[in-house]
Amino acid sequence: MPQMAPLNWLGLFISFSLIFLTFNAMNYFTLIYSPKITSIKKTFTLTNWKW
């Protein structure tokens, strides 16, 4: 293997990098997250200041 030309090493690096990036992109975009539905109720407390 040390007899390989540098262009072959560069080609291998580029191909493995592209495979790695596509694998990560597929894992990121194929996950379906279930949305958490929480009802947020705002409570207003009115305080009457009697000075």
N, C-alpha and C. Protein backbone atom coordinates (compact mmCIF):
# COMPACT_ATOMS: atom_id res chain seq x y z
N MET A 1 0.79 -1.21 0.00
CA MET A 1 0.00 0.00 0.00
C MET A 1 0.84 1.28 0.00
N PRO A 2 2.07 1.30 0.49
CA PRO A 2 2.80 2.56 0.44
C PRO A 2 3.16 2.98 -0.98
N GLN A 3 3.00 2.09 -1.96
CA GLN A 3 3.35 2.45 -3.32
C GLN A 3 2.25 3.25 -4.00
N MET A 4 1.13 3.44 -3.33
CA MET A 4 0.02 4.16 -3.96
C MET A 4 0.38 5.62 -4.17
N ALA A 5 -0.07 6.15 -5.28
CA ALA A 5 0.18 7.55 -5.59
C ALA A 5 -0.65 8.44 -4.66
N PRO A 6 -0.19 9.67 -4.43
CA PRO A 6 -0.95 10.56 -3.55
C PRO A 6 -2.35 10.86 -4.06
N LEU A 7 -2.55 10.85 -5.38
CA LEU A 7 -3.88 11.09 -5.91
C LEU A 7 -4.84 9.98 -5.51
N ASN A 8 -4.34 8.77 -5.42
CA ASN A 8 -5.19 7.67 -4.97
C ASN A 8 -5.59 7.87 -3.51
N TRP A 9 -4.65 8.32 -2.69
CA TRP A 9 -4.99 8.58 -1.29
C TRP A 9 -6.00 9.71 -1.19
N LEU A 10 -5.83 10.73 -2.02
CA LEU A 10 -6.76 11.85 -2.02
C LEU A 10 -8.15 11.39 -2.48
N GLY A 11 -8.18 10.53 -3.48
CA GLY A 11 -9.47 10.01 -3.94
C GLY A 11 -10.15 9.18 -2.87
N LEU A 12 -9.37 8.36 -2.16
CA LEU A 12 -9.95 7.57 -1.07
C LEU A 12 -10.48 8.47 0.04
N PHE A 13 -9.71 9.48 0.38
CA PHE A 13 -10.14 10.39 1.43
C PHE A 13 -11.43 11.11 1.05
N ILE A 14 -11.50 11.57 -0.19
CA ILE A 14 -12.70 12.28 -0.64
C ILE A 14 -13.89 11.35 -0.68
N SER A 15 -13.70 10.13 -1.16
CA SER A 15 -14.83 9.20 -1.24
C SER A 15 -15.32 8.80 0.15
N PHE A 16 -14.40 8.52 1.08
CA PHE A 16 -14.82 8.17 2.43
C PHE A 16 -15.48 9.36 3.13
N SER A 17 -14.98 10.56 2.85
CA SER A 17 -15.59 11.74 3.46
C SER A 17 -17.01 11.94 2.94
N LEU A 18 -17.21 11.77 1.65
CA LEU A 18 -18.56 11.91 1.09
C LEU A 18 -19.50 10.84 1.62
N ILE A 19 -19.01 9.62 1.75
CA ILE A 19 -19.84 8.56 2.32
C ILE A 19 -20.20 8.88 3.75
N PHE A 20 -19.24 9.38 4.51
CA PHE A 20 -19.49 9.74 5.90
C PHE A 20 -20.51 10.87 6.01
N LEU A 21 -20.38 11.88 5.16
CA LEU A 21 -21.32 13.00 5.20
C LEU A 21 -22.73 12.57 4.78
N THR A 22 -22.84 11.74 3.76
CA THR A 22 -24.18 11.29 3.35
C THR A 22 -24.80 10.39 4.40
N PHE A 23 -23.99 9.57 5.06
CA PHE A 23 -24.51 8.71 6.12
C PHE A 23 -25.05 9.56 7.27
N ASN A 24 -24.30 10.58 7.66
CA ASN A 24 -24.75 11.46 8.75
C ASN A 24 -25.99 12.25 8.34
N ALA A 25 -26.03 12.72 7.11
CA ALA A 25 -27.19 13.48 6.65
C ALA A 25 -28.43 12.61 6.61
N MET A 26 -28.28 11.37 6.16
CA MET A 26 -29.43 10.47 6.14
C MET A 26 -29.92 10.15 7.54
N ASN A 27 -29.00 9.95 8.47
CA ASN A 27 -29.42 9.69 9.85
C ASN A 27 -30.09 10.91 10.46
N TYR A 28 -29.62 12.09 10.10
CA TYR A 28 -30.20 13.31 10.69
C TYR A 28 -31.59 13.58 10.13
N PHE A 29 -31.77 13.42 8.83
CA PHE A 29 -33.03 13.81 8.21
C PHE A 29 -34.07 12.70 8.23
N THR A 30 -33.71 11.46 8.51
CA THR A 30 -34.71 10.40 8.51
C THR A 30 -35.33 10.16 9.88
N LEU A 31 -34.78 10.77 10.92
CA LEU A 31 -35.39 10.62 12.23
C LEU A 31 -36.66 11.45 12.30
N ILE A 32 -37.72 10.83 12.81
CA ILE A 32 -38.99 11.53 12.95
C ILE A 32 -39.22 11.75 14.43
N TYR A 33 -39.20 13.01 14.81
CA TYR A 33 -39.41 13.33 16.21
C TYR A 33 -40.89 13.54 16.45
N SER A 34 -41.42 12.90 17.49
CA SER A 34 -42.81 13.12 17.83
C SER A 34 -42.93 14.42 18.60
N PRO A 35 -43.78 15.32 18.13
CA PRO A 35 -43.88 16.61 18.81
C PRO A 35 -44.57 16.47 20.16
N LYS A 36 -44.01 17.15 21.13
CA LYS A 36 -44.61 17.14 22.45
C LYS A 36 -45.67 18.23 22.50
N ILE A 37 -46.90 17.82 22.69
CA ILE A 37 -47.99 18.78 22.74
C ILE A 37 -48.27 19.09 24.21
N THR A 38 -47.91 20.26 24.61
CA THR A 38 -48.18 20.70 25.97
C THR A 38 -48.98 21.98 25.90
N SER A 39 -50.04 22.00 26.64
CA SER A 39 -50.86 23.21 26.64
C SER A 39 -50.30 24.16 27.69
N ILE A 40 -49.94 25.30 27.23
CA ILE A 40 -49.37 26.31 28.12
C ILE A 40 -50.48 27.27 28.51
N LYS A 41 -50.80 27.29 29.77
CA LYS A 41 -51.84 28.18 30.26
C LYS A 41 -51.19 29.35 30.98
N LYS A 42 -51.52 30.54 30.51
CA LYS A 42 -50.98 31.72 31.15
C LYS A 42 -51.97 32.17 32.22
N THR A 43 -51.50 32.29 33.40
CA THR A 43 -52.36 32.74 34.48
C THR A 43 -51.99 34.17 34.83
N PHE A 44 -52.99 35.02 34.84
CA PHE A 44 -52.79 36.41 35.18
C PHE A 44 -53.32 36.64 36.58
N THR A 45 -52.48 37.09 37.44
CA THR A 45 -52.92 37.41 38.79
C THR A 45 -52.96 38.93 38.91
N LEU A 46 -54.16 39.42 39.10
CA LEU A 46 -54.34 40.86 39.24
C LEU A 46 -54.29 41.20 40.72
N THR A 47 -53.41 42.06 41.06
CA THR A 47 -53.30 42.50 42.46
C THR A 47 -53.77 43.93 42.55
N ASN A 48 -54.67 44.16 43.47
CA ASN A 48 -55.18 45.51 43.70
C ASN A 48 -54.38 46.14 44.82
N TRP A 49 -53.64 47.15 44.47
CA TRP A 49 -52.85 47.84 45.49
C TRP A 49 -53.71 48.92 46.12
N LYS A 50 -53.92 48.77 47.41
CA LYS A 50 -54.74 49.75 48.12
C LYS A 50 -53.81 50.54 49.04
N TRP A 51 -53.38 51.66 48.58
CA TRP A 51 -52.44 52.45 49.35
C TRP A 51 -53.19 53.37 50.28
